[in-house]
């Protein structure tokens, strides 16, 4: 596996922008038996702000070789056959707000091809903290996967709130909840640490 990256950064004299520029990345995996099995490439433009917020826009290209039959929706639909490979393109947008604030957020969207169909993905994370007593976060991940017949198309939703309470320097309570409509499942993990 290789994962080279390159960045060209510019540092303007600005009260708003810290640095910005172009970047590229290639993540490539191969084996002696099958040759290239997976690769992902990015080419994009990034912007880092003085207040620690940042964002980017990127063109993404993926290649995937399937060793086994695979259902991209993981919902029990007709599977793509083993031994096939797929090239697909998408556009990725990302923004991360200033994490020094009590309320912060990040949002990412990915739109384009997915195996032999299309995918729309939006991922949003909200964070709120009351120092030094409490932190709350909520992550919502939505995927719309559209595949040609006879393969399945699905709307997939993952919702994950998390609560952290600090009672003292020695006593903490963390609760993590996750709802997944892909398998109609809800998980709760709660830990009291002393």
C-alpha atoms as a PDB file:
ATOM      1  CA  UNK A   1       0.000   0.000   0.000  1.00  0.00           C
ATOM      2  CA  UNK A   2       1.183   3.502  -0.749  1.00  0.00           C
ATOM      3  CA  UNK A   3      -0.408   6.796   0.290  1.00  0.00           C
ATOM      4  CA  UNK A   4       1.503   9.806  -1.143  1.00  0.00           C
ATOM      5  CA  UNK A   5       0.196  13.355  -0.607  1.00  0.00           C
ATOM      6  CA  UNK A   6       1.214  16.737  -1.958  1.00  0.00           C
ATOM      7  CA  UNK A   7       0.167  20.235  -0.893  1.00  0.00           C
ATOM      8  CA  UNK A   8       0.868  23.682  -2.310  1.00  0.00           C
ATOM      9  CA  UNK A   9       0.099  26.302   0.359  1.00  0.00           C
ATOM     10  CA  UNK A  10      -0.194  30.087   0.164  1.00  0.00           C
ATOM     11  CA  UNK A  11       0.021  32.338   3.235  1.00  0.00           C
ATOM     12  CA  UNK A  12      -1.643  35.674   2.499  1.00  0.00           C
ATOM     13  CA  UNK A  13      -1.433  38.748   4.717  1.00  0.00           C
ATOM     14  CA  UNK A  14      -5.030  38.492   5.888  1.00  0.00           C
ATOM     15  CA  UNK A  15      -7.030  38.826   9.097  1.00  0.00           C
ATOM     16  CA  UNK A  16      -9.445  36.178   7.830  1.00  0.00           C
ATOM     17  CA  UNK A  17      -7.370  33.478   6.054  1.00  0.00           C
ATOM     18  CA  UNK A  18      -4.348  31.754   7.592  1.00  0.00           C
ATOM     19  CA  UNK A  19      -3.459  29.683   4.523  1.00  0.00           C
ATOM     20  CA  UNK A  20      -5.064  28.159   1.451  1.00  0.00           C
ATOM     21  CA  UNK A  21      -4.009  26.121  -1.529  1.00  0.00           C
ATOM     22  CA  UNK A  22      -4.157  22.976  -3.593  1.00  0.00           C
ATOM     23  CA  UNK A  23      -3.693  19.383  -2.512  1.00  0.00           C
ATOM     24  CA  UNK A  24      -3.667  15.914  -3.993  1.00  0.00           C
ATOM     25  CA  UNK A  25      -3.582  12.400  -2.550  1.00  0.00           C
ATOM     26  CA  UNK A  26      -3.487   8.830  -3.806  1.00  0.00           C
ATOM     27  CA  UNK A  27      -4.180   5.816  -1.568  1.00  0.00           C
ATOM     28  CA  UNK A  28      -3.343   2.647  -3.529  1.00  0.00           C
ATOM     29  CA  UNK A  29      -3.558  -1.021  -2.436  1.00  0.00           C
ATOM     30  CA  UNK A  30      -2.473  -4.033  -4.485  1.00  0.00           C
ATOM     31  CA  UNK A  31      -1.576  -7.712  -4.113  1.00  0.00           C
ATOM     32  CA  UNK A  32       0.603 -10.073  -6.136  1.00  0.00           C
ATOM     33  CA  UNK A  33      -2.377 -12.347  -6.786  1.00  0.00           C
ATOM     34  CA  UNK A  34      -4.958  -9.744  -7.916  1.00  0.00           C
ATOM     35  CA  UNK A  35      -2.951  -6.667  -8.864  1.00  0.00           C
ATOM     36  CA  UNK A  36      -4.576  -3.359  -7.921  1.00  0.00           C
ATOM     37  CA  UNK A  37      -7.482  -4.024  -5.558  1.00  0.00           C
ATOM     38  CA  UNK A  38      -8.445  -0.538  -4.359  1.00  0.00           C
ATOM     39  CA  UNK A  39      -7.437   3.042  -4.855  1.00  0.00           C
ATOM     40  CA  UNK A  40      -8.787   6.456  -3.964  1.00  0.00           C
ATOM     41  CA  UNK A  41      -7.497   9.758  -5.322  1.00  0.00           C
ATOM     42  CA  UNK A  42      -8.300  13.315  -4.272  1.00  0.00           C
ATOM     43  CA  UNK A  43      -7.580  16.641  -5.925  1.00  0.00           C
ATOM     44  CA  UNK A  44      -8.876  19.737  -4.242  1.00  0.00           C
ATOM     45  CA  UNK A  45      -8.639  23.222  -2.826  1.00  0.00           C
ATOM     46  CA  UNK A  46      -8.465  23.928   0.936  1.00  0.00           C
ATOM     47  CA  UNK A  47      -8.800  27.024   3.106  1.00  0.00           C
ATOM     48  CA  UNK A  48      -7.691  27.373   6.756  1.00  0.00           C
ATOM     49  CA  UNK A  49      -9.044  30.434   8.554  1.00  0.00           C
ATOM     50  CA  UNK A  50      -7.380  32.467  11.323  1.00  0.00           C
ATOM     51  CA  UNK A  51     -10.099  31.439  13.816  1.00  0.00           C
ATOM     52  CA  UNK A  52      -9.185  27.695  13.304  1.00  0.00           C
ATOM     53  CA  UNK A  53     -12.188  27.006  11.038  1.00  0.00           C
ATOM     54  CA  UNK A  54     -11.308  25.195   7.818  1.00  0.00           C
ATOM     55  CA  UNK A  55     -12.879  23.770   4.706  1.00  0.00           C
ATOM     56  CA  UNK A  56     -12.187  22.148   1.369  1.00  0.00           C
ATOM     57  CA  UNK A  57     -13.718  21.126  -1.927  1.00  0.00           C
ATOM     58  CA  UNK A  58     -12.349  18.051  -3.705  1.00  0.00           C
ATOM     59  CA  UNK A  59     -12.856  15.802  -6.674  1.00  0.00           C
ATOM     60  CA  UNK A  60     -12.627  12.149  -5.587  1.00  0.00           C
ATOM     61  CA  UNK A  61     -12.096   9.107  -7.798  1.00  0.00           C
ATOM     62  CA  UNK A  62     -12.382   5.533  -6.473  1.00  0.00           C
ATOM     63  CA  UNK A  63     -11.575   2.083  -7.812  1.00  0.00           C
ATOM     64  CA  UNK A  64     -12.795  -1.051  -6.031  1.00  0.00           C
ATOM     65  CA  UNK A  65     -12.241  -4.707  -6.881  1.00  0.00           C
ATOM     66  CA  UNK A  66     -14.697  -7.126  -5.237  1.00  0.00           C
ATOM     67  CA  UNK A  67     -13.224 -10.352  -3.835  1.00  0.00           C
ATOM     68  CA  UNK A  68     -16.674 -11.479  -2.689  1.00  0.00           C
ATOM     69  CA  UNK A  69     -20.298 -10.805  -3.657  1.00  0.00           C
ATOM     70  CA  UNK A  70     -21.258  -7.455  -2.107  1.00  0.00           C
ATOM     71  CA  UNK A  71     -24.464  -5.495  -1.427  1.00  0.00           C
ATOM     72  CA  UNK A  72     -23.466  -1.777  -1.259  1.00  0.00           C
ATOM     73  CA  UNK A  73     -26.578  -0.987   0.834  1.00  0.00           C
ATOM     74  CA  UNK A  74     -25.923  -3.871   3.264  1.00  0.00           C
ATOM     75  CA  UNK A  75     -29.692  -4.427   3.480  1.00  0.00           C
ATOM     76  CA  UNK A  76     -30.031  -7.925   2.045  1.00  0.00           C
ATOM     77  CA  UNK A  77     -30.506  -6.889  -1.572  1.00  0.00           C
ATOM     78  CA  UNK A  78     -29.082  -8.532  -4.697  1.00  0.00           C
ATOM     79  CA  UNK A  79     -25.286  -8.508  -4.452  1.00  0.00           C
ATOM     80  CA  UNK A  80     -22.763  -7.238  -6.964  1.00  0.00           C
ATOM     81  CA  UNK A  81     -20.806 -10.297  -8.184  1.00  0.00           C
ATOM     82  CA  UNK A  82     -17.324 -11.215  -6.964  1.00  0.00           C
ATOM     83  CA  UNK A  83     -14.518 -10.647  -9.446  1.00  0.00           C
ATOM     84  CA  UNK A  84     -15.979  -7.382 -10.780  1.00  0.00           C
ATOM     85  CA  UNK A  85     -14.402  -3.941 -10.449  1.00  0.00           C
ATOM     86  CA  UNK A  86     -15.828  -0.416 -10.379  1.00  0.00           C
ATOM     87  CA  UNK A  87     -14.530   3.092 -11.143  1.00  0.00           C
ATOM     88  CA  UNK A  88     -16.581   5.974  -9.738  1.00  0.00           C
ATOM     89  CA  UNK A  89     -16.286   9.745  -9.262  1.00  0.00           C
ATOM     90  CA  UNK A  90     -17.707  12.147  -6.686  1.00  0.00           C
ATOM     91  CA  UNK A  91     -17.519  15.706  -5.403  1.00  0.00           C
ATOM     92  CA  UNK A  92     -16.709  16.245  -1.704  1.00  0.00           C
ATOM     93  CA  UNK A  93     -17.445  19.437   0.266  1.00  0.00           C
ATOM     94  CA  UNK A  94     -16.364  19.992   3.887  1.00  0.00           C
ATOM     95  CA  UNK A  95     -16.512  22.785   6.469  1.00  0.00           C
ATOM     96  CA  UNK A  96     -15.324  22.687  10.082  1.00  0.00           C
ATOM     97  CA  UNK A  97     -16.202  25.629  12.353  1.00  0.00           C
ATOM     98  CA  UNK A  98     -14.123  27.201  15.137  1.00  0.00           C
ATOM     99  CA  UNK A  99     -13.728  24.539  17.859  1.00  0.00           C
ATOM    100  CA  UNK A 100     -12.693  27.135  20.440  1.00  0.00           C
ATOM    101  CA  UNK A 101     -16.327  28.269  20.687  1.00  0.00           C
ATOM    102  CA  UNK A 102     -18.841  26.682  23.058  1.00  0.00           C
ATOM    103  CA  UNK A 103     -20.893  25.659  20.027  1.00  0.00           C
ATOM    104  CA  UNK A 104     -19.123  24.211  16.995  1.00  0.00           C
ATOM    105  CA  UNK A 105     -20.052  22.052  14.046  1.00  0.00           C
ATOM    106  CA  UNK A 106     -18.784  20.383  10.913  1.00  0.00           C
ATOM    107  CA  UNK A 107     -20.627  19.382   7.778  1.00  0.00           C
ATOM    108  CA  UNK A 108     -19.539  17.188   4.876  1.00  0.00           C
ATOM    109  CA  UNK A 109     -21.308  16.284   1.682  1.00  0.00           C
ATOM    110  CA  UNK A 110     -20.345  13.774  -0.990  1.00  0.00           C
ATOM    111  CA  UNK A 111     -22.269  13.512  -4.254  1.00  0.00           C
ATOM    112  CA  UNK A 112     -21.642  11.344  -7.275  1.00  0.00           C
ATOM    113  CA  UNK A 113     -21.205   7.794  -8.528  1.00  0.00           C
ATOM    114  CA  UNK A 114     -21.102   4.773  -6.238  1.00  0.00           C
ATOM    115  CA  UNK A 115     -20.227   1.317  -7.624  1.00  0.00           C
ATOM    116  CA  UNK A 116     -22.735   0.946 -10.512  1.00  0.00           C
ATOM    117  CA  UNK A 117     -25.117   3.645  -9.221  1.00  0.00           C
ATOM    118  CA  UNK A 118     -25.281   6.986  -7.431  1.00  0.00           C
ATOM    119  CA  UNK A 119     -24.777   8.151  -3.852  1.00  0.00           C
ATOM    120  CA  UNK A 120     -25.653  11.311  -1.955  1.00  0.00           C
ATOM    121  CA  UNK A 121     -24.129  11.612   1.516  1.00  0.00           C
ATOM    122  CA  UNK A 122     -24.473  14.348   4.144  1.00  0.00           C
ATOM    123  CA  UNK A 123     -22.732  14.100   7.502  1.00  0.00           C
ATOM    124  CA  UNK A 124     -23.313  16.750  10.194  1.00  0.00           C
ATOM    125  CA  UNK A 125     -21.786  16.913  13.681  1.00  0.00           C
ATOM    126  CA  UNK A 126     -22.919  19.446  16.302  1.00  0.00           C
ATOM    127  CA  UNK A 127     -20.911  20.057  19.483  1.00  0.00           C
ATOM    128  CA  UNK A 128     -21.805  22.060  22.595  1.00  0.00           C
ATOM    129  CA  UNK A 129     -19.804  22.301  25.792  1.00  0.00           C
ATOM    130  CA  UNK A 130     -20.218  23.931  29.186  1.00  0.00           C
ATOM    131  CA  UNK A 131     -16.734  23.866  30.665  1.00  0.00           C
ATOM    132  CA  UNK A 132     -15.723  22.154  32.785  1.00  0.00           C
ATOM    133  CA  UNK A 133     -18.933  20.248  33.488  1.00  0.00           C
ATOM    134  CA  UNK A 134     -20.541  18.950  30.313  1.00  0.00           C
ATOM    135  CA  UNK A 135     -20.055  18.265  26.613  1.00  0.00           C
ATOM    136  CA  UNK A 136     -22.756  17.206  24.157  1.00  0.00           C
ATOM    137  CA  UNK A 137     -22.409  16.116  20.547  1.00  0.00           C
ATOM    138  CA  UNK A 138     -24.833  14.920  17.909  1.00  0.00           C
ATOM    139  CA  UNK A 139     -23.762  13.221  14.680  1.00  0.00           C
ATOM    140  CA  UNK A 140     -26.241  12.620  11.839  1.00  0.00           C
ATOM    141  CA  UNK A 141     -25.135  10.673   8.762  1.00  0.00           C
ATOM    142  CA  UNK A 142     -27.538  10.314   5.830  1.00  0.00           C
ATOM    143  CA  UNK A 143     -26.885   8.288   2.669  1.00  0.00           C
ATOM    144  CA  UNK A 144     -29.126   8.005  -0.375  1.00  0.00           C
ATOM    145  CA  UNK A 145     -27.887   5.067  -2.470  1.00  0.00           C
ATOM    146  CA  UNK A 146     -29.523   4.562  -5.865  1.00  0.00           C
ATOM    147  CA  UNK A 147     -28.555   1.440  -7.812  1.00  0.00           C
ATOM    148  CA  UNK A 148     -30.063   0.086 -11.051  1.00  0.00           C
ATOM    149  CA  UNK A 149     -32.494  -2.836 -10.912  1.00  0.00           C
ATOM    150  CA  UNK A 150     -32.303  -5.581  -9.678  1.00  0.00           C
ATOM    151  CA  UNK A 151     -29.976  -4.064  -7.030  1.00  0.00           C
ATOM    152  CA  UNK A 152     -31.407  -2.327  -3.954  1.00  0.00           C
ATOM    153  CA  UNK A 153     -31.725   1.445  -3.485  1.00  0.00           C
ATOM    154  CA  UNK A 154     -31.962   2.746   0.071  1.00  0.00           C
ATOM    155  CA  UNK A 155     -32.083   5.791   2.345  1.00  0.00           C
ATOM    156  CA  UNK A 156     -29.719   5.066   5.231  1.00  0.00           C
ATOM    157  CA  UNK A 157     -29.692   7.088   8.457  1.00  0.00           C
ATOM    158  CA  UNK A 158     -27.297   6.920  11.397  1.00  0.00           C
ATOM    159  CA  UNK A 159     -27.981   9.195  14.410  1.00  0.00           C
ATOM    160  CA  UNK A 160     -25.470   9.284  17.290  1.00  0.00           C
ATOM    161  CA  UNK A 161     -25.838  11.611  20.304  1.00  0.00           C
ATOM    162  CA  UNK A 162     -23.151  11.582  23.021  1.00  0.00           C
ATOM    163  CA  UNK A 163     -23.182  13.101  26.520  1.00  0.00           C
ATOM    164  CA  UNK A 164     -20.127  13.677  28.748  1.00  0.00           C
ATOM    165  CA  UNK A 165     -20.522  14.840  32.350  1.00  0.00           C
ATOM    166  CA  UNK A 166     -17.616  15.770  34.624  1.00  0.00           C
ATOM    167  CA  UNK A 167     -18.622  15.764  38.286  1.00  0.00           C
ATOM    168  CA  UNK A 168     -15.111  16.198  39.692  1.00  0.00           C
ATOM    169  CA  UNK A 169     -11.497  15.514  38.713  1.00  0.00           C
ATOM    170  CA  UNK A 170     -12.090  11.854  39.535  1.00  0.00           C
ATOM    171  CA  UNK A 171     -15.701  11.165  38.561  1.00  0.00           C
ATOM    172  CA  UNK A 172     -16.949  11.094  34.922  1.00  0.00           C
ATOM    173  CA  UNK A 173     -20.065   9.802  33.200  1.00  0.00           C
ATOM    174  CA  UNK A 174     -20.267   9.239  29.428  1.00  0.00           C
ATOM    175  CA  UNK A 175     -23.306   8.018  27.496  1.00  0.00           C
ATOM    176  CA  UNK A 176     -23.303   7.214  23.783  1.00  0.00           C
ATOM    177  CA  UNK A 177     -26.477   6.359  21.846  1.00  0.00           C
ATOM    178  CA  UNK A 178     -26.659   5.191  18.233  1.00  0.00           C
ATOM    179  CA  UNK A 179     -29.678   4.571  16.010  1.00  0.00           C
ATOM    180  CA  UNK A 180     -29.156   2.803  12.677  1.00  0.00           C
ATOM    181  CA  UNK A 181     -32.109   2.358  10.303  1.00  0.00           C
ATOM    182  CA  UNK A 182     -30.002   0.103   8.057  1.00  0.00           C
ATOM    183  CA  UNK A 183     -30.496  -2.766  10.502  1.00  0.00           C
ATOM    184  CA  UNK A 184     -33.296  -1.181  12.646  1.00  0.00           C
ATOM    185  CA  UNK A 185     -31.011  -1.119  15.652  1.00  0.00           C
ATOM    186  CA  UNK A 186     -30.447   1.142  18.657  1.00  0.00           C
ATOM    187  CA  UNK A 187     -27.375   0.855  20.888  1.00  0.00           C
ATOM    188  CA  UNK A 188     -26.686   2.548  24.219  1.00  0.00           C
ATOM    189  CA  UNK A 189     -23.293   2.554  25.896  1.00  0.00           C
ATOM    190  CA  UNK A 190     -23.047   4.277  29.271  1.00  0.00           C
ATOM    191  CA  UNK A 191     -19.905   4.373  31.416  1.00  0.00           C
ATOM    192  CA  UNK A 192     -19.354   5.780  34.901  1.00  0.00           C
ATOM    193  CA  UNK A 193     -15.654   6.236  35.613  1.00  0.00           C
ATOM    194  CA  UNK A 194     -14.290   6.870  39.120  1.00  0.00           C
END
